[in-house]
Amino acid sequence: QLQLVESGGGLVQSGESLRLSCAAADGSSLDDYGLGWFRQAPGKEREGVACIATSGGYTYYGDSVKGRFTISRDNSKNTFYLQMNNLEPEDTAVYYCAARRVTSTMCGFFYRMDYWGNGALVTVSS
């Protein structure tokens, strides 16, 4: 059972940046997993933010973050990241990392994730 742990959340001002990280709690390899980030703001449904294919060569972004957020993976560190630039108050949410064991060159698995982190709170003040 893969357990994921997020880190890097916090409080920032509008326009600033944050980087979230996600790794397997026991240091397991994520090489065979498609990976993604989701978020849920108070009173709203969970939203898919970004996805990266198993191969790492394909990424997908939700419209609200396109051009500001970047997802990446470092298989040598068994960790993946969400770099968030030019943050806006509307980005305030709990961010969850997620994974699905799948061989993929695209992000068709994005909404069928099997493993989830516990969430990291990101708060953006205006």
C-alpha atoms as a PDB file:
ATOM      1  CA  GLN A   1       0.000   0.000   0.000  1.00  0.00           C
ATOM      2  CA  LEU A   2       1.600   3.244  -1.150  1.00  0.00           C
ATOM      3  CA  GLN A   3       1.416   6.066   1.382  1.00  0.00           C
ATOM      4  CA  LEU A   4       2.134   9.575   0.154  1.00  0.00           C
ATOM      5  CA  VAL A   5       3.287  12.542   2.208  1.00  0.00           C
ATOM      6  CA  GLU A   6       3.061  16.161   1.076  1.00  0.00           C
ATOM      7  CA  SER A   7       5.235  19.010   2.293  1.00  0.00           C
ATOM      8  CA  GLY A   8       5.727  22.669   1.473  1.00  0.00           C
ATOM      9  CA  GLY A   9       2.361  24.233   2.181  1.00  0.00           C
ATOM     10  CA  GLY A  10       2.019  27.524   3.996  1.00  0.00           C
ATOM     11  CA  LEU A  11       0.855  31.123   3.980  1.00  0.00           C
ATOM     12  CA  VAL A  12       2.020  33.482   1.249  1.00  0.00           C
ATOM     13  CA  GLN A  13       0.938  36.783  -0.228  1.00  0.00           C
ATOM     14  CA  SER A  14      -0.614  37.239  -3.629  1.00  0.00           C
ATOM     15  CA  GLY A  15       2.007  37.073  -6.369  1.00  0.00           C
ATOM     16  CA  GLU A  16       4.438  34.940  -4.396  1.00  0.00           C
ATOM     17  CA  SER A  17       5.508  31.341  -5.040  1.00  0.00           C
ATOM     18  CA  LEU A  18       5.477  28.016  -3.226  1.00  0.00           C
ATOM     19  CA  ARG A  19       6.676  24.540  -4.086  1.00  0.00           C
ATOM     20  CA  LEU A  20       4.870  21.469  -2.870  1.00  0.00           C
ATOM     21  CA  SER A  21       6.629  18.121  -2.664  1.00  0.00           C
ATOM     22  CA  CYS A  22       5.224  14.614  -2.428  1.00  0.00           C
ATOM     23  CA  ALA A  23       7.047  11.387  -1.679  1.00  0.00           C
ATOM     24  CA  ALA A  24       6.288   7.864  -0.594  1.00  0.00           C
ATOM     25  CA  ALA A  25       6.333   7.682   3.192  1.00  0.00           C
ATOM     26  CA  ASP A  26       8.673   4.699   3.150  1.00  0.00           C
ATOM     27  CA  GLY A  27      10.853   5.950   0.331  1.00  0.00           C
ATOM     28  CA  SER A  28       9.392   3.581  -2.253  1.00  0.00           C
ATOM     29  CA  SER A  29      10.027   4.213  -5.915  1.00  0.00           C
ATOM     30  CA  LEU A  30       7.396   6.138  -7.852  1.00  0.00           C
ATOM     31  CA  ASP A  31       8.835   5.121 -11.231  1.00  0.00           C
ATOM     32  CA  ASP A  32       5.805   3.014 -12.156  1.00  0.00           C
ATOM     33  CA  TYR A  33       3.172   5.530 -11.134  1.00  0.00           C
ATOM     34  CA  GLY A  34       1.263   8.231 -12.879  1.00  0.00           C
ATOM     35  CA  LEU A  35       1.190  11.230 -10.537  1.00  0.00           C
ATOM     36  CA  GLY A  36      -0.979  14.233  -9.947  1.00  0.00           C
ATOM     37  CA  TRP A  37      -2.062  17.102  -7.761  1.00  0.00           C
ATOM     38  CA  PHE A  38      -5.588  18.024  -6.744  1.00  0.00           C
ATOM     39  CA  ARG A  39      -6.975  20.752  -4.535  1.00  0.00           C
ATOM     40  CA  GLN A  40     -10.108  21.442  -2.573  1.00  0.00           C
ATOM     41  CA  ALA A  41     -11.125  24.887  -1.419  1.00  0.00           C
ATOM     42  CA  PRO A  42     -13.658  25.414   1.382  1.00  0.00           C
ATOM     43  CA  GLY A  43     -17.166  24.784   0.135  1.00  0.00           C
ATOM     44  CA  LYS A  44     -15.990  23.628  -3.280  1.00  0.00           C
ATOM     45  CA  GLU A  45     -15.523  20.304  -4.994  1.00  0.00           C
ATOM     46  CA  ARG A  46     -12.115  18.757  -5.424  1.00  0.00           C
ATOM     47  CA  GLU A  47     -10.388  20.046  -8.556  1.00  0.00           C
ATOM     48  CA  GLY A  48      -7.714  18.404 -10.656  1.00  0.00           C
ATOM     49  CA  VAL A  49      -4.712  20.731 -10.814  1.00  0.00           C
ATOM     50  CA  ALA A  50      -1.938  18.945 -12.689  1.00  0.00           C
ATOM     51  CA  CYS A  51      -0.853  15.534 -13.862  1.00  0.00           C
ATOM     52  CA  ILE A  52       2.376  13.967 -15.088  1.00  0.00           C
ATOM     53  CA  ALA A  53       2.575  10.703 -16.972  1.00  0.00           C
ATOM     54  CA  THR A  54       4.634   7.738 -15.839  1.00  0.00           C
ATOM     55  CA  SER A  55       7.204   8.508 -18.485  1.00  0.00           C
ATOM     56  CA  GLY A  56       7.392  12.112 -17.322  1.00  0.00           C
ATOM     57  CA  GLY A  57       7.193  13.372 -20.876  1.00  0.00           C
ATOM     58  CA  TYR A  58       3.549  14.462 -20.759  1.00  0.00           C
ATOM     59  CA  THR A  59       1.880  16.898 -18.417  1.00  0.00           C
ATOM     60  CA  TYR A  60      -1.638  18.265 -18.104  1.00  0.00           C
ATOM     61  CA  TYR A  61      -2.886  21.347 -16.265  1.00  0.00           C
ATOM     62  CA  GLY A  62      -6.263  22.606 -15.224  1.00  0.00           C
ATOM     63  CA  ASP A  63      -7.290  25.839 -16.918  1.00  0.00           C
ATOM     64  CA  SER A  64      -7.145  27.850 -13.700  1.00  0.00           C
ATOM     65  CA  VAL A  65      -3.442  27.132 -13.143  1.00  0.00           C
ATOM     66  CA  LYS A  66      -2.116  26.825 -16.677  1.00  0.00           C
ATOM     67  CA  GLY A  67       0.940  29.017 -17.178  1.00  0.00           C
ATOM     68  CA  ARG A  68       1.471  29.523 -13.424  1.00  0.00           C
ATOM     69  CA  PHE A  69       1.948  26.008 -12.014  1.00  0.00           C
ATOM     70  CA  THR A  70       4.443  23.345 -13.076  1.00  0.00           C
ATOM     71  CA  ILE A  71       4.383  19.675 -12.163  1.00  0.00           C
ATOM     72  CA  SER A  72       7.594  17.682 -12.272  1.00  0.00           C
ATOM     73  CA  ARG A  73       9.013  14.410 -11.036  1.00  0.00           C
ATOM     74  CA  ASP A  74      12.479  13.380  -9.915  1.00  0.00           C
ATOM     75  CA  ASN A  75      12.581   9.612 -10.005  1.00  0.00           C
ATOM     76  CA  SER A  76      16.104   9.592  -8.541  1.00  0.00           C
ATOM     77  CA  LYS A  77      14.613  11.132  -5.373  1.00  0.00           C
ATOM     78  CA  ASN A  78      11.296   9.280  -5.538  1.00  0.00           C
ATOM     79  CA  THR A  79       9.599  12.648  -5.264  1.00  0.00           C
ATOM     80  CA  PHE A  80       7.352  14.834  -7.367  1.00  0.00           C
ATOM     81  CA  TYR A  81       6.631  18.508  -7.140  1.00  0.00           C
ATOM     82  CA  LEU A  82       4.165  21.268  -7.838  1.00  0.00           C
ATOM     83  CA  GLN A  83       5.824  24.618  -8.400  1.00  0.00           C
ATOM     84  CA  MET A  84       3.228  27.341  -7.931  1.00  0.00           C
ATOM     85  CA  ASN A  85       4.073  30.830  -9.167  1.00  0.00           C
ATOM     86  CA  ASN A  86       2.115  34.061  -9.141  1.00  0.00           C
ATOM     87  CA  LEU A  87      -0.260  32.702  -6.543  1.00  0.00           C
ATOM     88  CA  GLU A  88      -3.693  34.255  -6.188  1.00  0.00           C
ATOM     89  CA  PRO A  89      -6.163  34.228  -3.287  1.00  0.00           C
ATOM     90  CA  GLU A  90      -8.325  31.902  -5.397  1.00  0.00           C
ATOM     91  CA  ASP A  91      -5.550  29.292  -5.136  1.00  0.00           C
ATOM     92  CA  THR A  92      -6.199  28.950  -1.400  1.00  0.00           C
ATOM     93  CA  ALA A  93      -7.037  25.294  -0.776  1.00  0.00           C
ATOM     94  CA  VAL A  94      -5.860  22.026   0.651  1.00  0.00           C
ATOM     95  CA  TYR A  95      -3.622  20.427  -1.959  1.00  0.00           C
ATOM     96  CA  TYR A  96      -3.447  16.654  -2.292  1.00  0.00           C
ATOM     97  CA  CYS A  97      -0.911  14.590  -4.145  1.00  0.00           C
ATOM     98  CA  ALA A  98      -2.076  11.348  -5.719  1.00  0.00           C
ATOM     99  CA  ALA A  99      -0.770   8.363  -7.642  1.00  0.00           C
ATOM    100  CA  ARG A 100      -1.919   5.433  -9.719  1.00  0.00           C
ATOM    101  CA  ARG A 101       0.244   2.469 -10.653  1.00  0.00           C
ATOM    102  CA  VAL A 102       0.011   2.549 -14.424  1.00  0.00           C
ATOM    103  CA  THR A 103       2.161   2.591 -17.512  1.00  0.00           C
ATOM    104  CA  SER A 104       1.164   5.698 -19.341  1.00  0.00           C
ATOM    105  CA  THR A 105       2.416   8.211 -21.839  1.00  0.00           C
ATOM    106  CA  MET A 106      -0.481  10.574 -21.211  1.00  0.00           C
ATOM    107  CA  CYS A 107      -2.808  11.422 -18.312  1.00  0.00           C
ATOM    108  CA  GLY A 108      -5.795   9.220 -18.982  1.00  0.00           C
ATOM    109  CA  PHE A 109      -5.491   7.906 -15.424  1.00  0.00           C
ATOM    110  CA  PHE A 110      -5.813  11.343 -13.842  1.00  0.00           C
ATOM    111  CA  TYR A 111      -9.301  10.917 -12.404  1.00  0.00           C
ATOM    112  CA  ARG A 112      -8.754   7.309 -11.332  1.00  0.00           C
ATOM    113  CA  MET A 113      -6.087   7.756  -8.700  1.00  0.00           C
ATOM    114  CA  ASP A 114      -5.574   4.995  -6.154  1.00  0.00           C
ATOM    115  CA  TYR A 115      -3.320   6.564  -3.547  1.00  0.00           C
ATOM    116  CA  TRP A 116      -3.645   9.938  -1.847  1.00  0.00           C
ATOM    117  CA  GLY A 117      -1.668  12.092   0.506  1.00  0.00           C
ATOM    118  CA  ASN A 118      -3.213  13.676   3.585  1.00  0.00           C
ATOM    119  CA  GLY A 119      -3.159  17.171   2.165  1.00  0.00           C
ATOM    120  CA  ALA A 120      -1.164  20.371   2.559  1.00  0.00           C
ATOM    121  CA  LEU A 121      -2.841  23.704   3.225  1.00  0.00           C
ATOM    122  CA  VAL A 122      -1.922  26.601   0.969  1.00  0.00           C
ATOM    123  CA  THR A 123      -3.257  29.999   1.951  1.00  0.00           C
ATOM    124  CA  VAL A 124      -2.782  33.033  -0.261  1.00  0.00           C
ATOM    125  CA  SER A 125      -3.566  36.424   1.223  1.00  0.00           C
ATOM    126  CA  SER A 126      -4.428  39.444  -0.887  1.00  0.00           C
END
